[in-house]
Amino acid sequence: MFDPREKIALFIDGANLFAASKSLGFDIDYCKLLEAFRNRAYLLRAYYYTAIIEDLEFSSIRPLIDWLDYNGYTVVTKPAKAYRRPRPTQDQGKHGHRTGNRCHGAIANRRSSRDLFGRW
């Protein structure tokens, strides 16, 4: 329970909160969430962090971001980056790792775990 004189700030990781609410099968009422924290303590600021894809003409998260910004949240966005995994070369496996014997040191020399970590 919060002390009503206490000052608090709310930090929301938008992607994780969205994924958690969907996996649990309910939607978040951001207005009630903000009001709940305001009723328990002095709410300095509520932050909502999310990544957005800037190349798209319309993003499904844009209406939520605009609504949050208008209704008391400080929205912090960052452009999403797409990473492409390089295609494996002929001497690499399907996950891009080199195939063959990569073992070095104690395991390649067939030493026991007792030799690696000392006596217990």
PDB file of N, CA and C in Angstrom:
ATOM      1  N   MET A   1       0.847  -1.177   0.000  1.00  0.00           N
ATOM      2  CA  MET A   1       0.000   0.000   0.000  1.00  0.00           C
ATOM      3  C   MET A   1       0.888   1.234   0.000  1.00  0.00           C
ATOM      4  N   PHE A   2       0.483   2.216  -0.735  1.00  0.00           N
ATOM      5  CA  PHE A   2       1.243   3.460  -0.860  1.00  0.00           C
ATOM      6  C   PHE A   2       0.811   4.454   0.210  1.00  0.00           C
ATOM      7  N   ASP A   3       1.730   5.279   0.621  1.00  0.00           N
ATOM      8  CA  ASP A   3       1.431   6.415   1.472  1.00  0.00           C
ATOM      9  C   ASP A   3       0.898   7.519   0.559  1.00  0.00           C
ATOM     10  N   PRO A   4      -0.266   8.132   0.862  1.00  0.00           N
ATOM     11  CA  PRO A   4      -0.832   9.151  -0.027  1.00  0.00           C
ATOM     12  C   PRO A   4       0.078  10.357  -0.247  1.00  0.00           C
ATOM     13  N   ARG A   5       1.033  10.583   0.645  1.00  0.00           N
ATOM     14  CA  ARG A   5       1.969  11.695   0.477  1.00  0.00           C
ATOM     15  C   ARG A   5       3.160  11.316  -0.390  1.00  0.00           C
ATOM     16  N   GLU A   6       3.268  10.038  -0.700  1.00  0.00           N
ATOM     17  CA  GLU A   6       4.407   9.544  -1.462  1.00  0.00           C
ATOM     18  C   GLU A   6       4.303   9.970  -2.927  1.00  0.00           C
ATOM     19  N   LYS A   7       5.437  10.298  -3.526  1.00  0.00           N
ATOM     20  CA  LYS A   7       5.491  10.654  -4.933  1.00  0.00           C
ATOM     21  C   LYS A   7       5.963   9.439  -5.729  1.00  0.00           C
ATOM     22  N   ILE A   8       5.249   9.145  -6.805  1.00  0.00           N
ATOM     23  CA  ILE A   8       5.595   7.983  -7.612  1.00  0.00           C
ATOM     24  C   ILE A   8       5.604   8.360  -9.092  1.00  0.00           C
ATOM     25  N   ALA A   9       6.254   7.529  -9.872  1.00  0.00           N
ATOM     26  CA  ALA A   9       6.230   7.631 -11.327  1.00  0.00           C
ATOM     27  C   ALA A   9       5.936   6.241 -11.867  1.00  0.00           C
ATOM     28  N   LEU A  10       5.235   6.180 -12.964  1.00  0.00           N
ATOM     29  CA  LEU A  10       4.821   4.919 -13.580  1.00  0.00           C
ATOM     30  C   LEU A  10       5.604   4.742 -14.872  1.00  0.00           C
ATOM     31  N   PHE A  11       6.278   3.613 -15.011  1.00  0.00           N
ATOM     32  CA  PHE A  11       7.058   3.310 -16.205  1.00  0.00           C
ATOM     33  C   PHE A  11       6.493   2.041 -16.836  1.00  0.00           C
ATOM     34  N   ILE A  12       5.981   2.147 -18.049  1.00  0.00           N
ATOM     35  CA  ILE A  12       5.337   1.018 -18.717  1.00  0.00           C
ATOM     36  C   ILE A  12       6.145   0.630 -19.949  1.00  0.00           C
ATOM     37  N   ASP A  13       6.536  -0.645 -20.018  1.00  0.00           N
ATOM     38  CA  ASP A  13       7.138  -1.205 -21.222  1.00  0.00           C
ATOM     39  C   ASP A  13       5.976  -1.701 -22.080  1.00  0.00           C
ATOM     40  N   GLY A  14       5.624  -0.909 -23.093  1.00  0.00           N
ATOM     41  CA  GLY A  14       4.415  -1.155 -23.873  1.00  0.00           C
ATOM     42  C   GLY A  14       4.359  -2.524 -24.520  1.00  0.00           C
ATOM     43  N   ALA A  15       5.446  -2.970 -25.131  1.00  0.00           N
ATOM     44  CA  ALA A  15       5.441  -4.258 -25.819  1.00  0.00           C
ATOM     45  C   ALA A  15       5.226  -5.406 -24.847  1.00  0.00           C
ATOM     46  N   ASN A  16       5.893  -5.376 -23.705  1.00  0.00           N
ATOM     47  CA  ASN A  16       5.745  -6.459 -22.730  1.00  0.00           C
ATOM     48  C   ASN A  16       4.372  -6.444 -22.066  1.00  0.00           C
ATOM     49  N   LEU A  17       3.843  -5.262 -21.761  1.00  0.00           N
ATOM     50  CA  LEU A  17       2.515  -5.197 -21.160  1.00  0.00           C
ATOM     51  C   LEU A  17       1.462  -5.692 -22.138  1.00  0.00           C
ATOM     52  N   PHE A  18       1.593  -5.315 -23.407  1.00  0.00           N
ATOM     53  CA  PHE A  18       0.657  -5.766 -24.429  1.00  0.00           C
ATOM     54  C   PHE A  18       0.704  -7.289 -24.574  1.00  0.00           C
ATOM     55  N   ALA A  19       1.914  -7.854 -24.665  1.00  0.00           N
ATOM     56  CA  ALA A  19       2.060  -9.308 -24.812  1.00  0.00           C
ATOM     57  C   ALA A  19       1.510 -10.053 -23.596  1.00  0.00           C
ATOM     58  N   ALA A  20       1.764  -9.534 -22.402  1.00  0.00           N
ATOM     59  CA  ALA A  20       1.263 -10.188 -21.184  1.00  0.00           C
ATOM     60  C   ALA A  20      -0.248 -10.141 -21.113  1.00  0.00           C
ATOM     61  N   SER A  21      -0.842  -8.999 -21.465  1.00  0.00           N
ATOM     62  CA  SER A  21      -2.305  -8.896 -21.394  1.00  0.00           C
ATOM     63  C   SER A  21      -2.964  -9.801 -22.415  1.00  0.00           C
ATOM     64  N   LYS A  22      -2.376  -9.923 -23.602  1.00  0.00           N
ATOM     65  CA  LYS A  22      -2.944 -10.802 -24.623  1.00  0.00           C
ATOM     66  C   LYS A  22      -2.814 -12.265 -24.224  1.00  0.00           C
ATOM     67  N   SER A  23      -1.689 -12.645 -23.640  1.00  0.00           N
ATOM     68  CA  SER A  23      -1.513 -14.038 -23.232  1.00  0.00           C
ATOM     69  C   SER A  23      -2.431 -14.398 -22.063  1.00  0.00           C
ATOM     70  N   LEU A  24      -2.783 -13.422 -21.234  1.00  0.00           N
ATOM     71  CA  LEU A  24      -3.693 -13.669 -20.116  1.00  0.00           C
ATOM     72  C   LEU A  24      -5.156 -13.501 -20.515  1.00  0.00           C
ATOM     73  N   GLY A  25      -5.392 -12.956 -21.707  1.00  0.00           N
ATOM     74  CA  GLY A  25      -6.747 -12.882 -22.241  1.00  0.00           C
ATOM     75  C   GLY A  25      -7.564 -11.686 -21.780  1.00  0.00           C
ATOM     76  N   PHE A  26      -6.935 -10.543 -21.536  1.00  0.00           N
ATOM     77  CA  PHE A  26      -7.706  -9.352 -21.182  1.00  0.00           C
ATOM     78  C   PHE A  26      -7.052  -8.116 -21.782  1.00  0.00           C
ATOM     79  N   ASP A  27      -7.815  -7.045 -21.863  1.00  0.00           N
ATOM     80  CA  ASP A  27      -7.305  -5.770 -22.378  1.00  0.00           C
ATOM     81  C   ASP A  27      -7.016  -4.843 -21.213  1.00  0.00           C
ATOM     82  N   ILE A  28      -6.095  -3.912 -21.418  1.00  0.00           N
ATOM     83  CA  ILE A  28      -5.717  -2.937 -20.404  1.00  0.00           C
ATOM     84  C   ILE A  28      -6.556  -1.684 -20.601  1.00  0.00           C
ATOM     85  N   ASP A  29      -7.162  -1.201 -19.526  1.00  0.00           N
ATOM     86  CA  ASP A  29      -7.855   0.089 -19.542  1.00  0.00           C
ATOM     87  C   ASP A  29      -6.857   1.103 -18.986  1.00  0.00           C
ATOM     88  N   TYR A  30      -6.193   1.817 -19.882  1.00  0.00           N
ATOM     89  CA  TYR A  30      -5.125   2.727 -19.480  1.00  0.00           C
ATOM     90  C   TYR A  30      -5.647   3.909 -18.675  1.00  0.00           C
ATOM     91  N   CYS A  31      -6.880   4.296 -18.896  1.00  0.00           N
ATOM     92  CA  CYS A  31      -7.475   5.380 -18.120  1.00  0.00           C
ATOM     93  C   CYS A  31      -7.646   4.950 -16.652  1.00  0.00           C
ATOM     94  N   LYS A  32      -8.171   3.739 -16.443  1.00  0.00           N
ATOM     95  CA  LYS A  32      -8.342   3.227 -15.083  1.00  0.00           C
ATOM     96  C   LYS A  32      -6.995   2.949 -14.413  1.00  0.00           C
ATOM     97  N   LEU A  33      -6.019   2.517 -15.199  1.00  0.00           N
ATOM     98  CA  LEU A  33      -4.687   2.267 -14.653  1.00  0.00           C
ATOM     99  C   LEU A  33      -4.077   3.557 -14.126  1.00  0.00           C
ATOM    100  N   LEU A  34      -4.178   4.611 -14.905  1.00  0.00           N
ATOM    101  CA  LEU A  34      -3.652   5.908 -14.481  1.00  0.00           C
ATOM    102  C   LEU A  34      -4.387   6.424 -13.253  1.00  0.00           C
ATOM    103  N   GLU A  35      -5.698   6.287 -13.239  1.00  0.00           N
ATOM    104  CA  GLU A  35      -6.511   6.747 -12.113  1.00  0.00           C
ATOM    105  C   GLU A  35      -6.204   5.953 -10.835  1.00  0.00           C
ATOM    106  N   ALA A  36      -5.946   4.656 -10.989  1.00  0.00           N
ATOM    107  CA  ALA A  36      -5.623   3.820  -9.826  1.00  0.00           C
ATOM    108  C   ALA A  36      -4.341   4.291  -9.149  1.00  0.00           C
ATOM    109  N   PHE A  37      -3.337   4.639  -9.927  1.00  0.00           N
ATOM    110  CA  PHE A  37      -2.096   5.133  -9.334  1.00  0.00           C
ATOM    111  C   PHE A  37      -2.259   6.540  -8.774  1.00  0.00           C
ATOM    112  N   ARG A  38      -3.086   7.361  -9.418  1.00  0.00           N
ATOM    113  CA  ARG A  38      -3.328   8.713  -8.899  1.00  0.00           C
ATOM    114  C   ARG A  38      -4.077   8.675  -7.568  1.00  0.00           C
ATOM    115  N   ASN A  39      -4.931   7.685  -7.366  1.00  0.00           N
ATOM    116  CA  ASN A  39      -5.688   7.563  -6.116  1.00  0.00           C
ATOM    117  C   ASN A  39      -4.836   7.065  -4.962  1.00  0.00           C
ATOM    118  N   ARG A  40      -3.741   6.392  -5.248  1.00  0.00           N
ATOM    119  CA  ARG A  40      -2.927   5.802  -4.186  1.00  0.00           C
ATOM    120  C   ARG A  40      -1.775   6.691  -3.728  1.00  0.00           C
ATOM    121  N   ALA A  41      -1.318   7.592  -4.597  1.00  0.00           N
ATOM    122  CA  ALA A  41      -0.179   8.453  -4.255  1.00  0.00           C
ATOM    123  C   ALA A  41      -0.152   9.630  -5.222  1.00  0.00           C
ATOM    124  N   TYR A  42       0.794  10.520  -5.000  1.00  0.00           N
ATOM    125  CA  TYR A  42       0.949  11.661  -5.895  1.00  0.00           C
ATOM    126  C   TYR A  42       1.739  11.192  -7.116  1.00  0.00           C
ATOM    127  N   LEU A  43       1.054  11.071  -8.247  1.00  0.00           N
ATOM    128  CA  LEU A  43       1.668  10.574  -9.467  1.00  0.00           C
ATOM    129  C   LEU A  43       2.374  11.722 -10.180  1.00  0.00           C
ATOM    130  N   LEU A  44       3.690  11.657 -10.207  1.00  0.00           N
ATOM    131  CA  LEU A  44       4.473  12.693 -10.878  1.00  0.00           C
ATOM    132  C   LEU A  44       4.296  12.620 -12.390  1.00  0.00           C
ATOM    133  N   ARG A  45       4.488  11.430 -12.939  1.00  0.00           N
ATOM    134  CA  ARG A  45       4.415  11.256 -14.373  1.00  0.00           C
ATOM    135  C   ARG A  45       4.228   9.783 -14.696  1.00  0.00           C
ATOM    136  N   ALA A  46       3.554   9.524 -15.812  1.00  0.00           N
ATOM    137  CA  ALA A  46       3.377   8.161 -16.298  1.00  0.00           C
ATOM    138  C   ALA A  46       4.025   8.054 -17.673  1.00  0.00           C
ATOM    139  N   TYR A  47       5.004   7.177 -17.785  1.00  0.00           N
ATOM    140  CA  TYR A  47       5.729   6.983 -19.035  1.00  0.00           C
ATOM    141  C   TYR A  47       5.258   5.714 -19.715  1.00  0.00           C
ATOM    142  N   TYR A  48       5.142   5.767 -21.029  1.00  0.00           N
ATOM    143  CA  TYR A  48       4.810   4.593 -21.839  1.00  0.00           C
ATOM    144  C   TYR A  48       5.882   4.488 -22.917  1.00  0.00           C
ATOM    145  N   TYR A  49       6.669   3.410 -22.870  1.00  0.00           N
ATOM    146  CA  TYR A  49       7.764   3.196 -23.810  1.00  0.00           C
ATOM    147  C   TYR A  49       7.358   2.160 -24.850  1.00  0.00           C
ATOM    148  N   THR A  50       7.625   2.467 -26.122  1.00  0.00           N
ATOM    149  CA  THR A  50       7.322   1.517 -27.178  1.00  0.00           C
ATOM    150  C   THR A  50       8.196   1.782 -28.391  1.00  0.00           C
ATOM    151  N   ALA A  51       8.301   0.784 -29.248  1.00  0.00           N
ATOM    152  CA  ALA A  51       9.012   0.919 -30.517  1.00  0.00           C
ATOM    153  C   ALA A  51       7.978   1.002 -31.630  1.00  0.00           C
ATOM    154  N   ILE A  52       8.269   1.818 -32.622  1.00  0.00           N
ATOM    155  CA  ILE A  52       7.364   1.940 -33.764  1.00  0.00           C
ATOM    156  C   ILE A  52       8.158   1.769 -35.051  1.00  0.00           C
ATOM    157  N   ILE A  53       7.475   1.273 -36.067  1.00  0.00           N
ATOM    158  CA  ILE A  53       8.076   1.121 -37.384  1.00  0.00           C
ATOM    159  C   ILE A  53       7.730   2.378 -38.163  1.00  0.00           C
ATOM    160  N   GLU A  54       8.737   3.156 -38.494  1.00  0.00           N
ATOM    161  CA  GLU A  54       8.493   4.449 -39.119  1.00  0.00           C
ATOM    162  C   GLU A  54       8.232   4.359 -40.611  1.00  0.00           C
ATOM    163  N   ASP A  55       8.617   3.272 -41.260  1.00  0.00           N
ATOM    164  CA  ASP A  55       8.451   3.151 -42.704  1.00  0.00           C
ATOM    165  C   ASP A  55       6.999   2.898 -43.115  1.00  0.00           C
ATOM    166  N   LEU A  56       6.188   2.418 -42.184  1.00  0.00           N
ATOM    167  CA  LEU A  56       4.806   2.094 -42.520  1.00  0.00           C
ATOM    168  C   LEU A  56       3.955   3.355 -42.627  1.00  0.00           C
ATOM    169  N   GLU A  57       3.037   3.344 -43.590  1.00  0.00           N
ATOM    170  CA  GLU A  57       2.132   4.478 -43.738  1.00  0.00           C
ATOM    171  C   GLU A  57       1.160   4.527 -42.569  1.00  0.00           C
ATOM    172  N   PHE A  58       0.666   3.350 -42.121  1.00  0.00           N
ATOM    173  CA  PHE A  58      -0.220   3.273 -40.963  1.00  0.00           C
ATOM    174  C   PHE A  58       0.294   2.195 -40.029  1.00  0.00           C
ATOM    175  N   SER A  59       0.394   2.522 -38.777  1.00  0.00           N
ATOM    176  CA  SER A  59       0.804   1.571 -37.757  1.00  0.00           C
ATOM    177  C   SER A  59      -0.380   1.333 -36.824  1.00  0.00           C
ATOM    178  N   SER A  60      -0.637   0.089 -36.483  1.00  0.00           N
ATOM    179  CA  SER A  60      -1.773  -0.232 -35.621  1.00  0.00           C
ATOM    180  C   SER A  60      -1.608   0.328 -34.212  1.00  0.00           C
ATOM    181  N   ILE A  61      -0.381   0.641 -33.811  1.00  0.00           N
ATOM    182  CA  ILE A  61      -0.152   1.177 -32.469  1.00  0.00           C
ATOM    183  C   ILE A  61      -0.283   2.705 -32.429  1.00  0.00           C
ATOM    184  N   ARG A  62      -0.278   3.357 -33.583  1.00  0.00           N
ATOM    185  CA  ARG A  62      -0.331   4.819 -33.626  1.00  0.00           C
ATOM    186  C   ARG A  62      -1.561   5.399 -32.924  1.00  0.00           C
ATOM    187  N   PRO A  63      -2.777   4.884 -33.109  1.00  0.00           N
ATOM    188  CA  PRO A  63      -3.925   5.446 -32.373  1.00  0.00           C
ATOM    189  C   PRO A  63      -3.768   5.341 -30.855  1.00  0.00           C
ATOM    190  N   LEU A  64      -3.213   4.225 -30.377  1.00  0.00           N
ATOM    191  CA  LEU A  64      -2.981   4.070 -28.930  1.00  0.00           C
ATOM    192  C   LEU A  64      -1.960   5.087 -28.440  1.00  0.00           C
ATOM    193  N   ILE A  65      -0.883   5.268 -29.175  1.00  0.00           N
ATOM    194  CA  ILE A  65       0.150   6.227 -28.779  1.00  0.00           C
ATOM    195  C   ILE A  65      -0.434   7.636 -28.705  1.00  0.00           C
ATOM    196  N   ASP A  66      -1.218   8.003 -29.713  1.00  0.00           N
ATOM    197  CA  ASP A  66      -1.833   9.334 -29.722  1.00  0.00           C
ATOM    198  C   ASP A  66      -2.795   9.507 -28.554  1.00  0.00           C
ATOM    199  N   TRP A  67      -3.594   8.466 -28.266  1.00  0.00           N
ATOM    200  CA  TRP A  67      -4.553   8.543 -27.165  1.00  0.00           C
ATOM    201  C   TRP A  67      -3.833   8.682 -25.821  1.00  0.00           C
ATOM    202  N   LEU A  68      -2.798   7.878 -25.624  1.00  0.00           N
ATOM    203  CA  LEU A  68      -2.035   7.940 -24.375  1.00  0.00           C
ATOM    204  C   LEU A  68      -1.406   9.312 -24.186  1.00  0.00           C
ATOM    205  N   ASP A  69      -0.849   9.850 -25.253  1.00  0.00           N
ATOM    206  CA  ASP A  69      -0.215  11.163 -25.187  1.00  0.00           C
ATOM    207  C   ASP A  69      -1.233  12.247 -24.839  1.00  0.00           C
ATOM    208  N   TYR A  70      -2.414  12.151 -25.372  1.00  0.00           N
ATOM    209  CA  TYR A  70      -3.459  13.141 -25.116  1.00  0.00           C
ATOM    210  C   TYR A  70      -4.048  13.019 -23.711  1.00  0.00           C
ATOM    211  N   ASN A  71      -4.019  11.807 -23.142  1.00  0.00           N
ATOM    212  CA  ASN A  71      -4.693  11.541 -21.876  1.00  0.00           C
ATOM    213  C   ASN A  71      -3.762  11.383 -20.682  1.00  0.00           C
ATOM    214  N   GLY A  72      -2.631  12.059 -20.684  1.00  0.00           N
ATOM    215  CA  GLY A  72      -1.836  12.133 -19.462  1.00  0.00           C
ATOM    216  C   GLY A  72      -0.585  11.301 -19.394  1.00  0.00           C
ATOM    217  N   TYR A  73      -0.301  10.493 -20.403  1.00  0.00           N
ATOM    218  CA  TYR A  73       0.922   9.697 -20.410  1.00  0.00           C
ATOM    219  C   TYR A  73       2.011  10.445 -21.170  1.00  0.00           C
ATOM    220  N   THR A  74       3.247  10.260 -20.757  1.00  0.00           N
ATOM    221  CA  THR A  74       4.382  10.737 -21.529  1.00  0.00           C
ATOM    222  C   THR A  74       4.859   9.567 -22.368  1.00  0.00           C
ATOM    223  N   VAL A  75       4.648   9.657 -23.668  1.00  0.00           N
ATOM    224  CA  VAL A  75       4.969   8.551 -24.569  1.00  0.00           C
ATOM    225  C   VAL A  75       6.381   8.726 -25.092  1.00  0.00           C
ATOM    226  N   VAL A  76       7.176   7.667 -24.950  1.00  0.00           N
ATOM    227  CA  VAL A  76       8.553   7.659 -25.444  1.00  0.00           C
ATOM    228  C   VAL A  76       8.633   6.567 -26.500  1.00  0.00           C
ATOM    229  N   THR A  77       8.912   6.980 -27.741  1.00  0.00           N
ATOM    230  CA  THR A  77       8.993   6.011 -28.835  1.00  0.00           C
ATOM    231  C   THR A  77      10.419   5.931 -29.349  1.00  0.00           C
ATOM    232  N   LYS A  78      10.700   4.810 -29.937  1.00  0.00           N
ATOM    233  CA  LYS A  78      11.993   4.590 -30.552  1.00  0.00           C
ATOM    234  C   LYS A  78      11.740   3.834 -31.848  1.00  0.00           C
ATOM    235  N   PRO A  79      12.424   4.198 -32.932  1.00  0.00           N
ATOM    236  CA  PRO A  79      12.184   3.466 -34.179  1.00  0.00           C
ATOM    237  C   PRO A  79      12.655   2.020 -34.065  1.00  0.00           C
ATOM    238  N   ALA A  80      11.815   1.121 -34.552  1.00  0.00           N
ATOM    239  CA  ALA A  80      12.153  -0.298 -34.540  1.00  0.00           C
ATOM    240  C   ALA A  80      13.165  -0.576 -35.641  1.00  0.00           C
ATOM    241  N   LYS A  81      14.092  -1.470 -35.372  1.00  0.00           N
ATOM    242  CA  LYS A  81      15.096  -1.852 -36.356  1.00  0.00           C
ATOM    243  C   LYS A  81      14.859  -3.286 -36.776  1.00  0.00           C
ATOM    244  N   ALA A  82      14.991  -3.533 -38.067  1.00  0.00           N
ATOM    245  CA  ALA A  82      14.866  -4.888 -38.588  1.00  0.00           C
ATOM    246  C   ALA A  82      16.267  -5.431 -38.834  1.00  0.00           C
ATOM    247  N   TYR A  83      16.553  -6.564 -38.254  1.00  0.00           N
ATOM    248  CA  TYR A  83      17.845  -7.205 -38.428  1.00  0.00           C
ATOM    249  C   TYR A  83      17.669  -8.418 -39.322  1.00  0.00           C
ATOM    250  N   ARG A  84      18.522  -8.515 -40.318  1.00  0.00           N
ATOM    251  CA  ARG A  84      18.485  -9.673 -41.198  1.00  0.00           C
ATOM    252  C   ARG A  84      19.684 -10.545 -40.875  1.00  0.00           C
ATOM    253  N   ARG A  85      19.409 -11.795 -40.685  1.00  0.00           N
ATOM    254  CA  ARG A  85      20.469 -12.756 -40.410  1.00  0.00           C
ATOM    255  C   ARG A  85      21.168 -13.091 -41.728  1.00  0.00           C
ATOM    256  N   PRO A  86      22.501 -13.051 -41.772  1.00  0.00           N
ATOM    257  CA  PRO A  86      23.196 -13.389 -43.029  1.00  0.00           C
ATOM    258  C   PRO A  86      22.976 -14.855 -43.374  1.00  0.00           C
ATOM    259  N   ARG A  87      22.944 -15.131 -44.658  1.00  0.00           N
ATOM    260  CA  ARG A  87      22.754 -16.510 -45.101  1.00  0.00           C
ATOM    261  C   ARG A  87      23.978 -17.336 -44.730  1.00  0.00           C
ATOM    262  N   PRO A  88      23.773 -18.574 -44.257  1.00  0.00           N
ATOM    263  CA  PRO A  88      24.918 -19.413 -43.891  1.00  0.00           C
ATOM    264  C   PRO A  88      25.752 -19.765 -45.122  1.00  0.00           C
ATOM    265  N   THR A  89      27.068 -19.785 -44.936  1.00  0.00           N
ATOM    266  CA  THR A  89      27.948 -20.207 -46.016  1.00  0.00           C
ATOM    267  C   THR A  89      27.989 -21.724 -46.048  1.00  0.00           C
ATOM    268  N   GLN A  90      28.738 -22.265 -46.984  1.00  0.00           N
ATOM    269  CA  GLN A  90      28.747 -23.713 -47.168  1.00  0.00           C
ATOM    270  C   GLN A  90      29.321 -24.454 -45.960  1.00  0.00           C
ATOM    271  N   ASP A  91      30.265 -23.846 -45.249  1.00  0.00           N
ATOM    272  CA  ASP A  91      30.861 -24.521 -44.087  1.00  0.00           C
ATOM    273  C   ASP A  91      30.133 -24.207 -42.782  1.00  0.00           C
ATOM    274  N   GLN A  92      28.949 -23.587 -42.882  1.00  0.00           N
ATOM    275  CA  GLN A  92      28.150 -23.286 -41.702  1.00  0.00           C
ATOM    276  C   GLN A  92      26.867 -24.108 -41.738  1.00  0.00           C
ATOM    277  N   GLY A  93      26.350 -24.409 -40.560  1.00  0.00           N
ATOM    278  CA  GLY A  93      25.097 -25.144 -40.452  1.00  0.00           C
ATOM    279  C   GLY A  93      23.905 -24.242 -40.700  1.00  0.00           C
ATOM    280  N   LYS A  94      22.702 -24.761 -40.480  1.00  0.00           N
ATOM    281  CA  LYS A  94      21.494 -23.993 -40.782  1.00  0.00           C
ATOM    282  C   LYS A  94      21.299 -22.801 -39.850  1.00  0.00           C
ATOM    283  N   HIS A  95      21.966 -22.761 -38.689  1.00  0.00           N
ATOM    284  CA  HIS A  95      21.819 -21.650 -37.759  1.00  0.00           C
ATOM    285  C   HIS A  95      22.962 -20.642 -37.888  1.00  0.00           C
ATOM    286  N   GLY A  96      23.787 -20.788 -38.912  1.00  0.00           N
ATOM    287  CA  GLY A  96      24.848 -19.820 -39.142  1.00  0.00           C
ATOM    288  C   GLY A  96      26.116 -20.072 -38.343  1.00  0.00           C
ATOM    289  N   HIS A  97      26.200 -21.217 -37.661  1.00  0.00           N
ATOM    290  CA  HIS A  97      27.392 -21.534 -36.879  1.00  0.00           C
ATOM    291  C   HIS A  97      28.297 -22.435 -37.710  1.00  0.00           C
ATOM    292  N   ARG A  98      29.590 -22.318 -37.496  1.00  0.00           N
ATOM    293  CA  ARG A  98      30.518 -23.195 -38.209  1.00  0.00           C
ATOM    294  C   ARG A  98      30.319 -24.622 -37.731  1.00  0.00           C
ATOM    295  N   THR A  99      30.353 -25.536 -38.664  1.00  0.00           N
ATOM    296  CA  THR A  99      30.216 -26.949 -38.309  1.00  0.00           C
ATOM    297  C   THR A  99      31.605 -27.530 -38.093  1.00  0.00           C
ATOM    298  N   GLY A 100      31.645 -28.717 -37.618  1.00  0.00           N
ATOM    299  CA  GLY A 100      32.924 -29.364 -37.381  1.00  0.00           C
ATOM    300  C   GLY A 100      33.280 -29.327 -35.904  1.00  0.00           C
ATOM    301  N   ASN A 101      34.496 -29.730 -35.581  1.00  0.00           N
ATOM    302  CA  ASN A 101      34.943 -29.796 -34.200  1.00  0.00           C
ATOM    303  C   ASN A 101      35.329 -28.396 -33.720  1.00  0.00           C
ATOM    304  N   ARG A 102      34.510 -27.835 -32.851  1.00  0.00           N
ATOM    305  CA  ARG A 102      34.800 -26.516 -32.289  1.00  0.00           C
ATOM    306  C   ARG A 102      35.285 -26.628 -30.851  1.00  0.00           C
ATOM    307  N   CYS A 103      35.455 -27.816 -30.372  1.00  0.00           N
ATOM    308  CA  CYS A 103      35.842 -27.998 -28.976  1.00  0.00           C
ATOM    309  C   CYS A 103      37.335 -27.721 -28.802  1.00  0.00           C
ATOM    310  N   HIS A 104      37.632 -26.990 -27.786  1.00  0.00           N
ATOM    311  CA  HIS A 104      39.014 -26.674 -27.460  1.00  0.00           C
ATOM    312  C   HIS A 104      39.214 -26.898 -25.977  1.00  0.00           C
ATOM    313  N   GLY A 105      40.441 -27.012 -25.586  1.00  0.00           N
ATOM    314  CA  GLY A 105      40.756 -27.062 -24.169  1.00  0.00           C
ATOM    315  C   GLY A 105      40.394 -28.384 -23.526  1.00  0.00           C
ATOM    316  N   ALA A 106      39.832 -28.322 -22.330  1.00  0.00           N
ATOM    317  CA  ALA A 106      39.628 -29.491 -21.485  1.00  0.00           C
ATOM    318  C   ALA A 106      38.673 -30.504 -22.102  1.00  0.00           C
ATOM    319  N   ILE A 107      37.620 -30.049 -22.767  1.00  0.00           N
ATOM    320  CA  ILE A 107      36.644 -30.992 -23.304  1.00  0.00           C
ATOM    321  C   ILE A 107      37.255 -31.753 -24.474  1.00  0.00           C
ATOM    322  N   ALA A 108      37.973 -31.057 -25.336  1.00  0.00           N
ATOM    323  CA  ALA A 108      38.607 -31.714 -26.472  1.00  0.00           C
ATOM    324  C   ALA A 108      39.669 -32.703 -26.009  1.00  0.00           C
ATOM    325  N   ASN A 109      40.302 -32.430 -24.892  1.00  0.00           N
ATOM    326  CA  ASN A 109      41.318 -33.318 -24.355  1.00  0.00           C
ATOM    327  C   ASN A 109      40.710 -34.409 -23.498  1.00  0.00           C
ATOM    328  N   ARG A 110      39.390 -34.476 -23.445  1.00  0.00           N
ATOM    329  CA  ARG A 110      38.644 -35.505 -22.720  1.00  0.00           C
ATOM    330  C   ARG A 110      38.962 -35.507 -21.225  1.00  0.00           C
ATOM    331  N   ARG A 111      39.119 -34.351 -20.633  1.00  0.00           N
ATOM    332  CA  ARG A 111      39.297 -34.262 -19.191  1.00  0.00           C
ATOM    333  C   ARG A 111      37.930 -34.319 -18.531  1.00  0.00           C
ATOM    334  N   SER A 112      37.906 -34.749 -17.321  1.00  0.00           N
ATOM    335  CA  SER A 112      36.631 -34.849 -16.612  1.00  0.00           C
ATOM    336  C   SER A 112      36.237 -33.491 -16.048  1.00  0.00           C
ATOM    337  N   SER A 113      34.970 -33.371 -15.643  1.00  0.00           N
ATOM    338  CA  SER A 113      34.504 -32.126 -15.048  1.00  0.00           C
ATOM    339  C   SER A 113      35.212 -31.857 -13.726  1.00  0.00           C
ATOM    340  N   ARG A 114      35.689 -32.899 -13.077  1.00  0.00           N
ATOM    341  CA  ARG A 114      36.427 -32.719 -11.831  1.00  0.00           C
ATOM    342  C   ARG A 114      37.741 -31.994 -12.098  1.00  0.00           C
ATOM    343  N   ASP A 115      38.356 -32.264 -13.257  1.00  0.00           N
ATOM    344  CA  ASP A 115      39.583 -31.572 -13.617  1.00  0.00           C
ATOM    345  C   ASP A 115      39.282 -30.115 -13.966  1.00  0.00           C
ATOM    346  N   LEU A 116      38.122 -29.860 -14.523  1.00  0.00           N
ATOM    347  CA  LEU A 116      37.763 -28.500 -14.910  1.00  0.00           C
ATOM    348  C   LEU A 116      37.453 -27.638 -13.713  1.00  0.00           C
ATOM    349  N   PHE A 117      36.708 -28.157 -12.767  1.00  0.00           N
ATOM    350  CA  PHE A 117      36.196 -27.344 -11.674  1.00  0.00           C
ATOM    351  C   PHE A 117      36.860 -27.642 -10.334  1.00  0.00           C
ATOM    352  N   GLY A 118      37.792 -28.529 -10.292  1.00  0.00           N
ATOM    353  CA  GLY A 118      38.458 -28.851  -9.031  1.00  0.00           C
ATOM    354  C   GLY A 118      37.660 -29.884  -8.237  1.00  0.00           C
ATOM    355  N   ARG A 119      38.216 -30.306  -7.168  1.00  0.00           N
ATOM    356  CA  ARG A 119      37.525 -31.296  -6.337  1.00  0.00           C
ATOM    357  C   ARG A 119      36.470 -30.634  -5.480  1.00  0.00           C
ATOM    358  N   TRP A 120      35.350 -31.277  -5.304  1.00  0.00           N
ATOM    359  CA  TRP A 120      34.215 -30.710  -4.565  1.00  0.00           C
ATOM    360  C   TRP A 120      34.282 -31.156  -3.176  1.00  0.00           C
TER     361      TRP A 120
END
